[in-house]
Protein backbone atom coordinates (compact mmCIF):
# COMPACT_ATOMS: atom_id res chain seq x y z
CA MET A 1 0.00 0.00 0.00
CA SER A 2 1.37 3.44 -0.88
CA ASN A 3 1.94 6.35 1.48
CA ARG A 4 0.20 8.69 -0.93
CA VAL A 5 -2.51 10.88 0.59
CA PRO A 6 -5.72 10.86 -1.49
CA ASP A 7 -6.46 13.99 -3.50
CA ARG A 8 -9.45 15.64 -1.87
CA THR A 9 -9.17 19.07 -3.54
CA SER A 10 -12.07 18.56 -5.95
CA PRO A 11 -15.21 16.48 -5.50
CA PRO A 12 -15.91 13.64 -7.91
CA PRO A 13 -18.32 14.40 -10.75
CA GLY A 14 -21.96 14.13 -9.74
CA PRO A 15 -24.63 12.01 -11.38
CA PRO A 16 -26.44 13.31 -14.45
CA ALA A 17 -29.45 15.52 -13.74
CA ASP A 18 -31.90 13.03 -15.27
CA ALA A 19 -30.61 9.98 -13.34
CA SER A 20 -33.08 7.48 -11.95
CA VAL A 21 -33.34 6.65 -8.25
CA GLY A 22 -31.49 3.39 -8.86
CA GLU A 23 -28.66 5.21 -10.64
CA LEU A 24 -28.51 7.77 -7.83
CA MET A 25 -28.30 5.00 -5.22
CA THR A 26 -25.51 3.30 -7.19
CA HIS A 27 -23.65 6.60 -7.46
CA LEU A 28 -24.12 7.21 -3.71
CA SER A 29 -22.78 3.75 -2.92
CA GLU A 30 -19.72 4.30 -5.12
CA GLN A 31 -19.00 7.70 -3.60
CA THR A 32 -19.43 6.39 -0.06
CA SER A 33 -17.04 3.52 -0.74
CA ARG A 34 -14.49 5.91 -2.24
CA LEU A 35 -14.86 8.28 0.71
CA VAL A 36 -14.30 5.52 3.25
CA ARG A 37 -11.26 4.17 1.35
CA ASP A 38 -9.74 7.64 1.05
CA GLU A 39 -10.26 8.45 4.73
CA LEU A 40 -8.75 5.12 5.79
CA ALA A 41 -5.73 5.74 3.55
CA LEU A 42 -5.27 9.22 5.01
CA ALA A 43 -5.56 7.91 8.57
CA GLN A 44 -2.98 5.21 7.80
CA VAL A 45 -0.48 7.74 6.44
CA GLU A 46 -0.95 10.00 9.47
CA LEU A 47 -0.62 7.13 11.95
CA LYS A 48 2.60 5.95 10.28
CA ALA A 49 4.10 9.43 10.64
CA THR A 50 2.95 9.62 14.26
CA ALA A 51 4.40 6.21 15.08
CA LYS A 52 7.70 7.19 13.47
CA GLN A 53 7.97 10.32 15.61
CA ALA A 54 7.00 8.41 18.76
CA GLY A 55 9.64 5.80 17.96
CA LYS A 56 12.24 8.50 17.55
CA GLY A 57 11.37 10.01 20.94
CA ALA A 58 11.33 6.60 22.62
CA GLY A 59 14.71 5.80 21.07
CA LEU A 60 16.15 9.05 22.41
CA LEU A 61 14.80 8.27 25.87
CA SER A 62 16.29 4.78 25.73
CA GLY A 63 19.59 6.21 24.53
CA ALA A 64 19.56 8.64 27.43
CA GLY A 65 19.20 5.78 29.87
CA VAL A 66 22.01 3.75 28.30
CA LEU A 67 24.28 6.78 28.18
CA ALA A 68 23.54 7.47 31.83
CA LEU A 69 24.54 3.93 32.81
CA TYR A 70 27.72 3.83 30.72
CA GLY A 71 28.54 7.38 31.68
CA VAL A 72 28.30 6.65 35.36
CA GLY A 73 30.67 3.73 35.07
CA ALA A 74 33.22 5.28 32.74
CA ALA A 75 33.22 8.74 34.23
CA ILE A 76 33.52 7.52 37.78
CA ALA A 77 36.33 5.16 36.83
CA THR A 78 38.42 7.81 35.09
CA ALA A 79 37.48 11.26 36.31
CA ILE A 80 37.40 10.44 40.00
CA ILE A 81 40.92 9.09 39.81
CA ALA A 82 42.11 12.20 37.97
CA LEU A 83 40.37 14.63 40.32
CA ALA A 84 41.60 12.73 43.35
CA LEU A 85 45.06 14.02 42.52
CA VAL A 86 44.00 17.59 43.44
CA LEU A 87 40.87 17.13 45.58
CA PRO A 88 39.83 14.76 48.30
CA LEU A 89 38.46 11.49 46.89
CA TRP A 90 34.88 12.14 48.07
CA ALA A 91 34.77 15.58 46.39
CA SER A 92 36.02 14.29 43.06
CA ALA A 93 33.42 11.47 43.12
CA LEU A 94 30.64 13.94 43.87
CA ILE A 95 31.63 16.32 41.05
CA VAL A 96 31.86 13.55 38.42
CA THR A 97 28.52 12.04 39.45
CA ALA A 98 26.76 15.42 39.18
CA VAL A 99 28.12 16.03 35.67
CA VAL A 100 27.03 12.59 34.42
CA PHE A 101 23.50 12.97 35.77
CA LEU A 102 23.25 16.47 34.31
CA ALA A 103 24.04 15.09 30.83
CA ALA A 104 21.48 12.30 31.32
CA GLY A 105 18.85 14.85 32.36
CA VAL A 106 19.42 16.94 29.24
CA ALA A 107 19.11 13.87 26.98
CA GLY A 108 15.96 12.80 28.84
CA LEU A 109 14.34 16.21 28.42
CA VAL A 110 15.08 16.23 24.68
CA GLY A 111 13.52 12.77 24.33
CA LYS A 112 10.49 13.75 26.39
CA LYS A 113 9.95 16.80 24.18
CA GLU A 114 9.92 14.56 21.08
CA VAL A 115 7.37 12.20 22.62
CA GLU A 116 5.10 15.06 23.77
CA GLN A 117 4.91 16.42 20.20
CA VAL A 118 3.16 13.24 19.03
CA SER A 119 -0.57 13.56 18.42
CA PRO A 120 -2.46 10.31 19.05
CA THR A 121 -5.24 11.13 16.58
CA PRO A 122 -4.96 11.44 12.80
CA GLN A 123 -5.89 15.14 12.64
CA ARG A 124 -6.39 15.55 8.89
CA ALA A 125 -8.58 12.46 8.65
CA VAL A 126 -10.76 13.71 11.52
CA GLU A 127 -11.05 17.13 9.88
CA ASN A 128 -11.95 15.57 6.53
CA VAL A 129 -14.63 13.36 8.05
CA SER A 130 -16.11 16.34 9.92
CA ARG A 131 -16.13 18.37 6.71
CA ASP A 132 -17.73 15.47 4.81
CA ILE A 133 -20.48 15.17 7.42
CA GLU A 134 -21.15 18.90 7.21
CA GLN A 135 -21.37 18.75 3.40
CA VAL A 136 -23.77 15.79 3.49
CA GLU A 137 -25.95 17.55 6.04
CA GLU A 138 -25.97 20.75 3.96
CA ALA A 139 -26.84 18.83 0.80
CA ARG A 140 -29.61 16.97 2.63
CA HIS A 141 -30.97 20.26 3.96
CA ARG A 142 -30.88 21.80 0.46
CA ASP A 143 -32.69 18.79 -1.00
CA HIS A 144 -35.39 18.94 1.69
CA THR A 145 -35.79 22.69 1.12
CA ARG A 146 -36.11 22.23 -2.66
CA SER A 147 -38.60 19.39 -2.44
CA ALA A 148 -40.84 21.26 0.03
């Protein structure tokens, strides 16, 4: 299935003016089927994009956690030893630990921001369905007004 969004800029051609009720019902059925297929295709494209962004944010959060674990081990093993040459051992351990957790916090905030930008609903599909409902209701109202 393609990731192409259906073209909804112009409505499909209507039935001829002298169409019978049966022809009108057939035309309505065809248009309804097309509308449902197009809306489902649009929702699928939007959900794929949403899932991709959510995956990116989740990956960044996971990466932040891994970096925090490796960073704690590596930084404590090297930096504490180096700082212990000029500071007491406890002070050098405290400084290195604070720096590692600061870096983890920054990575976590960036990942959280990515995840928060994800919208769980396919916005364009919802807007299109709402617009379609409004157009059907308007057309129905016009038809009832004309026939009265």
